[in-house]
């Protein structure tokens, strides 16, 4: 198989590339990334003999790909991970989020639709499309009540993908990733909560929590998540048309997460609560029963295990200049 991964240098991307190049039935993995985010190390990819043999990188925006290029690659599948993912940033730079997340995905789908080969499209979505839960765990039929520009763009992009499947039978799979953490997570000030807490803990700086910290999330380790993506990529495209949730099916409060990270890091950081954000969701919990029934996938990493590995990875880069300073949020066009 030949597989293209957009957002290949991101949290999901580097681990998915590593997963795919190790598959004996995968001949080549092509990564597309514009390197617009903040990195903790100069080269984010995971080295291996398989990586050196099978991986090729294209530095550019994913939505600049053409149908001719797609055909020349002779692809079996595309995993579309590339996205702007910060909720507060989306409220400030709504035009950029619309262009990248929604219009960019629409553009990519049009390119694929007009290609000769029609590779399977696996689209990475978010539980933010559900909004605040009406019930938990949240299955794929939960009402869609997005509360931020980010969530709206992810839901709209989903709908563009599904419309191409319903109208033209283009092969599409949608995976809604619940809160994922792991090595190589973004480290800017708009980054995910796990990486921010870890960097604060390792530097004995205050761990800052929005609101009272009783809000909950379903935290899954990235190695579990990318295994789900690998499972749905088959030559016969048997999962085309499916929508899946992936997560652990367990809720962890932000207060509990902060204490776990502080303890696992051996930190003296103070945990401080500050005013909340109106668009933040109160709780998230995945019902992943459908992907379990269809593929056999289920999470294997306990939260403490995954956090230990992630903390040690960040600790190993502790002498890097990025570990000793706050990385500002980027300024989007």
Protein backbone atom coordinates (compact mmCIF):
# COMPACT_ATOMS: atom_id res chain seq x y z
CA UNK A 1 0.00 0.00 0.00
CA UNK A 2 0.96 3.63 -0.56
CA UNK A 3 -0.41 6.12 1.96
CA UNK A 4 -0.28 9.92 2.17
CA UNK A 5 -0.51 11.63 5.58
CA UNK A 6 -1.33 15.34 5.86
CA UNK A 7 -0.11 17.00 9.04
CA UNK A 8 2.64 14.39 9.09
CA UNK A 9 4.86 16.34 11.51
CA UNK A 10 2.15 16.80 14.16
CA UNK A 11 1.33 14.76 17.25
CA UNK A 12 -0.73 12.19 15.36
CA UNK A 13 1.35 12.47 12.23
CA UNK A 14 4.77 11.40 13.51
CA UNK A 15 3.32 8.44 15.41
CA UNK A 16 1.09 7.37 12.52
CA UNK A 17 4.02 7.56 10.11
CA UNK A 18 6.03 5.38 12.51
CA UNK A 19 3.13 2.91 12.75
CA UNK A 20 2.63 2.73 8.99
CA UNK A 21 6.25 2.37 7.87
CA UNK A 22 6.54 -0.68 10.13
CA UNK A 23 3.62 -2.42 8.41
CA UNK A 24 4.96 -5.03 5.96
CA UNK A 25 2.08 -4.36 3.54
CA UNK A 26 2.93 -0.64 3.31
CA UNK A 27 5.44 0.18 0.58
CA UNK A 28 5.60 3.96 0.96
CA UNK A 29 4.34 6.74 3.24
CA UNK A 30 4.29 10.29 1.89
CA UNK A 31 4.01 13.05 4.47
CA UNK A 32 2.70 16.54 3.74
CA UNK A 33 3.27 19.31 6.30
CA UNK A 34 3.91 23.05 6.23
CA UNK A 35 5.65 23.04 9.66
CA UNK A 36 3.50 25.92 10.92
CA UNK A 37 3.39 24.82 14.57
CA UNK A 38 5.91 24.83 17.43
CA UNK A 39 8.22 21.83 17.89
CA UNK A 40 10.15 20.63 20.89
CA UNK A 41 12.96 19.15 18.81
CA UNK A 42 14.59 20.01 15.47
CA UNK A 43 13.41 16.84 13.70
CA UNK A 44 10.05 15.56 15.02
CA UNK A 45 10.00 12.24 13.17
CA UNK A 46 10.73 8.91 14.86
CA UNK A 47 13.87 7.37 13.32
CA UNK A 48 13.96 3.76 12.15
CA UNK A 49 15.37 1.75 9.23
CA UNK A 50 11.81 1.44 7.91
CA UNK A 51 11.36 5.21 8.08
CA UNK A 52 14.55 5.81 6.09
CA UNK A 53 13.45 3.32 3.45
CA UNK A 54 9.75 4.13 3.07
CA UNK A 55 9.10 7.77 4.01
CA UNK A 56 9.09 10.86 1.79
CA UNK A 57 8.28 14.40 2.97
CA UNK A 58 6.61 17.21 1.02
CA UNK A 59 6.83 20.64 2.72
CA UNK A 60 3.71 22.55 1.67
CA UNK A 61 0.05 23.23 2.42
CA UNK A 62 -2.09 20.14 1.98
CA UNK A 63 -4.72 22.03 0.00
CA UNK A 64 -2.19 22.94 -2.70
CA UNK A 65 -2.02 19.32 -3.87
CA UNK A 66 -3.42 18.66 -7.36
CA UNK A 67 -5.31 15.73 -8.88
CA UNK A 68 -2.36 15.08 -11.19
CA UNK A 69 -0.02 14.81 -8.20
CA UNK A 70 -2.41 12.45 -6.41
CA UNK A 71 -2.58 10.22 -9.48
CA UNK A 72 1.21 10.23 -9.87
CA UNK A 73 1.57 8.93 -6.30
CA UNK A 74 -0.68 5.92 -7.02
CA UNK A 75 -2.12 6.08 -3.50
CA UNK A 76 -4.29 3.57 -1.68
CA UNK A 77 -5.25 5.93 1.16
CA UNK A 78 -4.95 9.48 2.46
CA UNK A 79 -5.11 10.27 6.18
CA UNK A 80 -6.09 13.91 6.59
CA UNK A 81 -4.72 15.02 9.98
CA UNK A 82 -3.66 18.58 9.11
CA UNK A 83 -5.70 21.19 10.99
CA UNK A 84 -5.50 24.22 13.22
CA UNK A 85 -6.68 22.85 16.57
CA UNK A 86 -6.76 25.56 19.25
CA UNK A 87 -10.22 26.57 20.45
CA UNK A 88 -9.28 30.04 21.78
CA UNK A 89 -7.11 30.70 18.73
CA UNK A 90 -10.04 29.83 16.47
CA UNK A 91 -12.13 32.59 18.05
CA UNK A 92 -9.42 35.15 17.29
CA UNK A 93 -8.42 33.92 13.83
CA UNK A 94 -11.73 32.63 12.51
CA UNK A 95 -10.91 33.37 8.84
CA UNK A 96 -7.69 31.35 9.04
CA UNK A 97 -9.51 28.45 10.69
CA UNK A 98 -12.24 28.50 8.05
CA UNK A 99 -9.70 28.54 5.23
CA UNK A 100 -7.46 25.81 6.63
CA UNK A 101 -9.89 23.43 8.33
CA UNK A 102 -13.10 23.73 6.31
CA UNK A 103 -12.22 25.19 2.92
CA UNK A 104 -8.90 23.32 2.85
CA UNK A 105 -10.66 19.99 3.44
CA UNK A 106 -13.32 20.86 0.84
CA UNK A 107 -10.54 21.67 -1.62
CA UNK A 108 -8.72 18.41 -0.88
CA UNK A 109 -11.94 16.43 -1.37
CA UNK A 110 -12.48 18.09 -4.76
CA UNK A 111 -8.94 17.19 -5.78
CA UNK A 112 -9.49 13.58 -4.74
CA UNK A 113 -12.86 13.42 -6.46
CA UNK A 114 -11.26 14.48 -9.74
CA UNK A 115 -8.34 12.09 -9.39
CA UNK A 116 -8.13 8.86 -11.33
CA UNK A 117 -7.26 6.58 -8.42
CA UNK A 118 -9.81 7.57 -5.70
CA UNK A 119 -7.70 6.64 -2.64
CA UNK A 120 -9.55 6.05 0.64
CA UNK A 121 -9.96 9.32 2.58
CA UNK A 122 -9.62 8.98 6.37
CA UNK A 123 -10.63 12.26 7.98
CA UNK A 124 -9.53 13.17 11.52
CA UNK A 125 -12.36 14.93 13.33
CA UNK A 126 -12.99 15.94 16.94
CA UNK A 127 -15.47 15.35 19.78
CA UNK A 128 -15.82 19.13 19.92
CA UNK A 129 -18.42 18.67 17.16
CA UNK A 130 -20.77 17.24 19.82
CA UNK A 131 -20.63 20.24 22.15
CA UNK A 132 -21.59 19.81 25.80
CA UNK A 133 -22.86 16.27 26.36
CA UNK A 134 -26.56 15.53 26.55
CA UNK A 135 -25.53 12.04 27.67
CA UNK A 136 -22.30 10.13 28.27
CA UNK A 137 -20.57 8.20 26.95
CA UNK A 138 -21.08 10.04 23.67
CA UNK A 139 -21.77 7.80 20.68
CA UNK A 140 -21.64 8.84 17.04
CA UNK A 141 -25.37 9.66 17.08
CA UNK A 142 -25.04 12.27 19.82
CA UNK A 143 -26.53 15.63 18.69
CA UNK A 144 -24.07 18.04 17.07
CA UNK A 145 -23.90 21.29 19.07
CA UNK A 146 -20.48 22.89 18.32
CA UNK A 147 -19.55 25.80 20.59
CA UNK A 148 -16.45 27.27 18.92
CA UNK A 149 -15.21 28.23 15.46
CA UNK A 150 -12.79 25.30 15.64
CA UNK A 151 -15.65 22.88 16.29
CA UNK A 152 -17.78 24.38 13.52
CA UNK A 153 -14.95 24.02 10.99
CA UNK A 154 -14.35 20.39 11.95
CA UNK A 155 -18.05 19.54 11.67
CA UNK A 156 -18.38 21.35 8.35
CA UNK A 157 -15.32 19.51 7.00
CA UNK A 158 -16.89 16.22 8.10
CA UNK A 159 -20.04 17.12 6.19
CA UNK A 160 -18.07 17.91 3.03
CA UNK A 161 -16.42 14.48 3.23
CA UNK A 162 -19.69 12.68 3.91
CA UNK A 163 -21.48 14.53 1.09
CA UNK A 164 -18.87 13.28 -1.39
CA UNK A 165 -19.46 9.76 -0.11
CA UNK A 166 -23.26 9.99 -0.22
CA UNK A 167 -23.43 11.67 -3.63
CA UNK A 168 -20.53 10.08 -5.50
CA UNK A 169 -19.75 7.04 -3.31
CA UNK A 170 -16.25 8.39 -2.74
CA UNK A 171 -14.66 6.16 -0.04
CA UNK A 172 -14.46 8.15 3.22
CA UNK A 173 -13.95 7.19 6.88
CA UNK A 174 -14.39 9.76 9.67
CA UNK A 175 -12.65 9.27 13.03
CA UNK A 176 -13.52 11.56 15.93
CA UNK A 177 -10.44 11.66 18.18
CA UNK A 178 -11.09 12.30 21.84
CA UNK A 179 -8.39 14.20 23.74
CA UNK A 180 -5.07 12.76 22.62
CA UNK A 181 -1.68 13.32 24.24
CA UNK A 182 1.83 12.01 23.76
CA UNK A 183 5.33 12.72 22.60
CA UNK A 184 5.64 15.58 20.08
CA UNK A 185 2.52 17.47 21.18
CA UNK A 186 2.46 21.18 20.33
CA UNK A 187 4.24 23.33 22.94
CA UNK A 188 2.95 26.82 22.14
CA UNK A 189 0.87 28.74 24.66
CA UNK A 190 -2.24 27.55 22.80
CA UNK A 191 -1.15 23.92 23.02
CA UNK A 192 -2.99 20.96 24.51
CA UNK A 193 -3.47 20.80 28.26
CA UNK A 194 -1.19 17.78 28.80
CA UNK A 195 1.89 19.28 27.16
CA UNK A 196 1.35 22.61 28.93
CA UNK A 197 1.00 20.93 32.32
CA UNK A 198 4.09 18.78 31.73
CA UNK A 199 6.29 21.70 30.71
CA UNK A 200 5.14 23.67 33.75
CA UNK A 201 5.74 20.71 36.08
CA UNK A 202 9.22 19.96 34.74
CA UNK A 203 10.21 23.58 35.28
CA UNK A 204 8.49 23.85 38.71
CA UNK A 205 6.29 26.62 37.35
CA UNK A 206 2.62 27.05 38.36
CA UNK A 207 0.20 24.69 36.63
CA UNK A 208 -2.66 26.94 35.50
CA UNK A 209 -6.18 25.51 35.22
CA UNK A 210 -9.11 27.28 33.60
CA UNK A 211 -12.16 27.42 35.91
CA UNK A 212 -12.57 25.08 38.91
CA UNK A 213 -10.87 22.09 37.26
CA UNK A 214 -13.86 19.79 37.71
CA UNK A 215 -14.45 19.65 33.96
CA UNK A 216 -13.53 16.23 32.56
CA UNK A 217 -11.93 14.88 29.41
CA UNK A 218 -11.32 11.45 27.89
CA UNK A 219 -7.52 11.34 27.55
CA UNK A 220 -6.08 8.73 25.18
CA UNK A 221 -2.43 8.00 24.46
CA UNK A 222 -1.38 8.69 20.89
CA UNK A 223 -0.07 5.15 20.29
CA UNK A 224 -3.59 3.81 20.86
CA UNK A 225 -5.07 6.44 18.58
CA UNK A 226 -2.82 5.84 15.57
CA UNK A 227 -3.42 2.09 15.82
CA UNK A 228 -7.10 2.82 15.13
CA UNK A 229 -6.16 4.75 12.00
CA UNK A 230 -3.95 1.94 10.81
CA UNK A 231 -6.73 -0.62 11.29
CA UNK A 232 -9.25 1.19 9.07
CA UNK A 233 -6.81 1.40 6.16
CA UNK A 234 -7.37 -1.77 4.17
CA UNK A 235 -6.95 -2.44 0.47
CA UNK A 236 -10.63 -3.29 0.03
CA UNK A 237 -11.77 -0.06 1.76
CA UNK A 238 -14.26 -2.08 3.80
CA UNK A 239 -14.91 0.73 6.31
CA UNK A 240 -15.85 3.37 3.72
CA UNK A 241 -18.85 5.36 4.94
CA UNK A 242 -18.22 4.65 8.62
CA UNK A 243 -17.89 7.23 11.40
CA UNK A 244 -15.98 6.15 14.52
CA UNK A 245 -15.19 7.56 17.96
CA UNK A 246 -11.85 6.69 19.54
CA UNK A 247 -11.08 7.26 23.20
CA UNK A 248 -10.81 5.33 26.47
CA UNK A 249 -14.41 5.56 27.67
CA UNK A 250 -13.16 7.06 30.94
CA UNK A 251 -13.45 10.61 32.27
CA UNK A 252 -10.60 12.34 34.11
CA UNK A 253 -11.00 15.76 35.70
CA UNK A 254 -8.51 18.49 34.86
CA UNK A 255 -7.67 18.77 38.57
CA UNK A 256 -6.85 15.05 38.69
CA UNK A 257 -4.75 15.33 35.53
CA UNK A 258 -2.75 18.23 36.99
CA UNK A 259 -2.03 16.32 40.21
CA UNK A 260 -1.04 13.17 38.29
CA UNK A 261 1.39 15.06 36.10
CA UNK A 262 2.89 16.95 39.03
CA UNK A 263 3.38 13.72 41.00
CA UNK A 264 4.75 11.71 38.08
CA UNK A 265 7.18 14.52 37.25
CA UNK A 266 8.32 14.83 40.88
CA UNK A 267 7.48 18.52 40.67
CA UNK A 268 6.94 21.22 43.28
CA UNK A 269 4.59 23.19 41.01
CA UNK A 270 1.65 24.99 42.56
CA UNK A 271 -1.73 24.25 40.94
CA UNK A 272 -3.67 27.47 40.35
CA UNK A 273 -7.24 27.91 39.12
CA UNK A 274 -8.10 30.98 37.05
CA UNK A 275 -11.26 32.24 35.29
CA UNK A 276 -12.76 29.83 32.77
CA UNK A 277 -13.59 30.23 29.07
CA UNK A 278 -17.21 30.31 27.96
CA UNK A 279 -16.76 27.92 25.02
CA UNK A 280 -15.02 25.18 27.03
CA UNK A 281 -16.99 21.93 27.34
CA UNK A 282 -17.79 20.54 30.78
CA UNK A 283 -17.17 16.87 30.00
CA UNK A 284 -16.22 14.45 27.25
CA UNK A 285 -16.33 10.65 27.25
CA UNK A 286 -16.12 8.43 24.17
CA UNK A 287 -18.36 5.52 23.32
CA UNK A 288 -15.94 3.58 21.12
CA UNK A 289 -18.07 0.44 20.88
CA UNK A 290 -18.64 0.77 17.12
CA UNK A 291 -14.97 0.73 16.12
CA UNK A 292 -14.42 -2.11 18.60
CA UNK A 293 -17.19 -4.13 16.96
CA UNK A 294 -16.03 -3.37 13.42
CA UNK A 295 -12.24 -3.65 13.79
CA UNK A 296 -11.51 -5.10 17.24
CA UNK A 297 -9.80 -1.86 18.32
CA UNK A 298 -9.74 -0.91 21.99
CA UNK A 299 -7.35 1.27 24.02
CA UNK A 300 -4.40 -0.52 25.63
CA UNK A 301 -2.58 2.27 27.47
CA UNK A 302 -3.67 3.37 30.94
CA UNK A 303 -3.46 7.12 31.56
CA UNK A 304 -0.63 6.82 34.07
CA UNK A 305 1.42 4.65 31.69
CA UNK A 306 1.02 7.06 28.80
CA UNK A 307 1.77 10.10 30.94
CA UNK A 308 4.96 8.49 32.28
CA UNK A 309 6.26 7.92 28.75
CA UNK A 310 5.28 11.40 27.66
CA UNK A 311 6.88 13.07 30.68
CA UNK A 312 10.12 11.15 30.16
CA UNK A 313 10.20 12.22 26.52
CA UNK A 314 9.83 15.88 27.49
CA UNK A 315 12.38 15.44 30.28
CA UNK A 316 14.88 14.01 27.80
CA UNK A 317 14.66 17.27 25.87
CA UNK A 318 14.98 19.35 29.02
CA UNK A 319 18.28 20.94 27.99
CA UNK A 320 16.83 22.15 24.71
CA UNK A 321 16.27 25.95 24.68
CA UNK A 322 12.56 25.43 24.01
CA UNK A 323 12.21 23.68 27.36
CA UNK A 324 13.25 26.82 29.22
CA UNK A 325 10.94 29.41 27.73
CA UNK A 326 7.30 30.02 26.95
CA UNK A 327 6.57 29.55 23.26
CA UNK A 328 4.14 32.30 22.22
CA UNK A 329 0.98 31.59 20.30
CA UNK A 330 1.55 32.01 16.57
CA UNK A 331 0.00 34.89 14.65
CA UNK A 332 -2.14 33.50 11.85
CA UNK A 333 -2.89 35.43 8.66
